[in-house]
Amino acid sequence: AEELREYFSQFGSVQRCQLPFDKDTGFHRRYCWIKFSTPQDVQNVFQKESHILEGAKLALKQQPRRRHSQR
């Protein structure tokens, strides 16, 4: 997770980086979530054509922004 945080911090401020692991195998599940501080930081990531980390090409998907519900 720290390598992912470090890599993506070049595009903006990373608020959170979650890399889930499989409890049975102990290996990561081959996906993660990265939350940036601003929408511009996210756009900076998608301006680069491809991302390669430790020899693996990363496939990126953008989740729609969630709105906080008001109670």
Protein backbone atom coordinates (compact mmCIF):
# COMPACT_ATOMS: atom_id res chain seq x y z
CA ALA A 1 0.00 0.00 0.00
CA GLU A 2 2.85 2.39 0.76
CA GLU A 3 4.31 1.94 -2.73
CA LEU A 4 0.90 2.78 -4.24
CA ARG A 5 0.54 5.85 -2.02
CA GLU A 6 4.03 7.01 -2.94
CA TYR A 7 3.47 6.47 -6.68
CA PHE A 8 0.11 8.27 -6.83
CA SER A 9 1.24 11.15 -4.62
CA GLN A 10 3.07 12.55 -7.66
CA PHE A 11 -0.35 13.44 -9.08
CA GLY A 12 -1.76 15.12 -5.97
CA SER A 13 -2.51 14.72 -2.31
CA VAL A 14 -3.52 11.14 -1.44
CA GLN A 15 -5.98 11.10 1.47
CA ARG A 16 -6.40 7.34 1.72
CA CYS A 17 -4.99 4.21 0.08
CA GLN A 18 -6.72 0.88 0.79
CA LEU A 19 -5.25 -2.38 -0.47
CA PRO A 20 -7.46 -5.28 0.71
CA PHE A 21 -5.90 -8.65 1.45
CA ASP A 22 -7.43 -12.12 1.25
CA LYS A 23 -7.54 -13.58 4.76
CA ASP A 24 -7.08 -17.15 3.48
CA THR A 25 -4.12 -16.65 1.13
CA GLY A 26 -2.51 -13.59 2.70
CA PHE A 27 -2.09 -12.02 -0.75
CA HIS A 28 -3.65 -8.77 -1.84
CA ARG A 29 -6.78 -9.02 -3.97
CA ARG A 30 -5.24 -7.26 -7.00
CA TYR A 31 -7.23 -4.05 -6.58
CA CYS A 32 -7.13 -1.00 -4.35
CA TRP A 33 -8.91 2.27 -3.68
CA ILE A 34 -7.12 5.59 -3.67
CA LYS A 35 -8.83 8.73 -2.47
CA PHE A 36 -7.42 12.09 -3.51
CA SER A 37 -7.98 15.46 -1.86
CA THR A 38 -9.40 17.20 -4.91
CA PRO A 39 -11.09 16.30 -8.22
CA GLN A 40 -8.14 17.97 -9.98
CA ASP A 41 -5.78 15.43 -8.41
CA VAL A 42 -7.91 12.66 -9.93
CA GLN A 43 -7.83 14.33 -13.34
CA ASN A 44 -4.03 14.56 -13.09
CA VAL A 45 -3.88 10.75 -12.76
CA PHE A 46 -6.04 10.18 -15.83
CA GLN A 47 -4.03 12.61 -17.97
CA LYS A 48 -1.16 10.11 -18.01
CA GLU A 49 -1.70 7.43 -20.66
CA SER A 50 -0.47 4.42 -18.69
CA HIS A 51 0.72 3.64 -15.19
CA ILE A 52 3.31 0.95 -14.42
CA LEU A 53 4.26 0.01 -10.88
CA GLU A 54 6.85 -2.67 -10.12
CA GLY A 55 6.64 -3.92 -13.71
CA ALA A 56 2.85 -4.29 -13.73
CA LYS A 57 0.58 -2.11 -15.83
CA LEU A 58 -2.23 -0.70 -13.70
CA ALA A 59 -5.82 -0.57 -14.96
CA LEU A 60 -7.54 2.50 -13.52
CA LYS A 61 -11.23 3.14 -13.04
CA GLN A 62 -12.81 6.25 -11.63
CA GLN A 63 -15.65 5.87 -9.17
CA PRO A 64 -18.39 8.48 -9.22
CA ARG A 65 -18.10 10.97 -6.38
CA ARG A 66 -20.27 10.12 -3.42
CA ARG A 67 -22.38 12.78 -1.86
CA HIS A 68 -22.59 12.81 1.90
CA SER A 69 -26.16 12.27 3.03
CA GLN A 70 -27.58 14.90 5.33
CA ARG A 71 -29.49 13.83 8.42
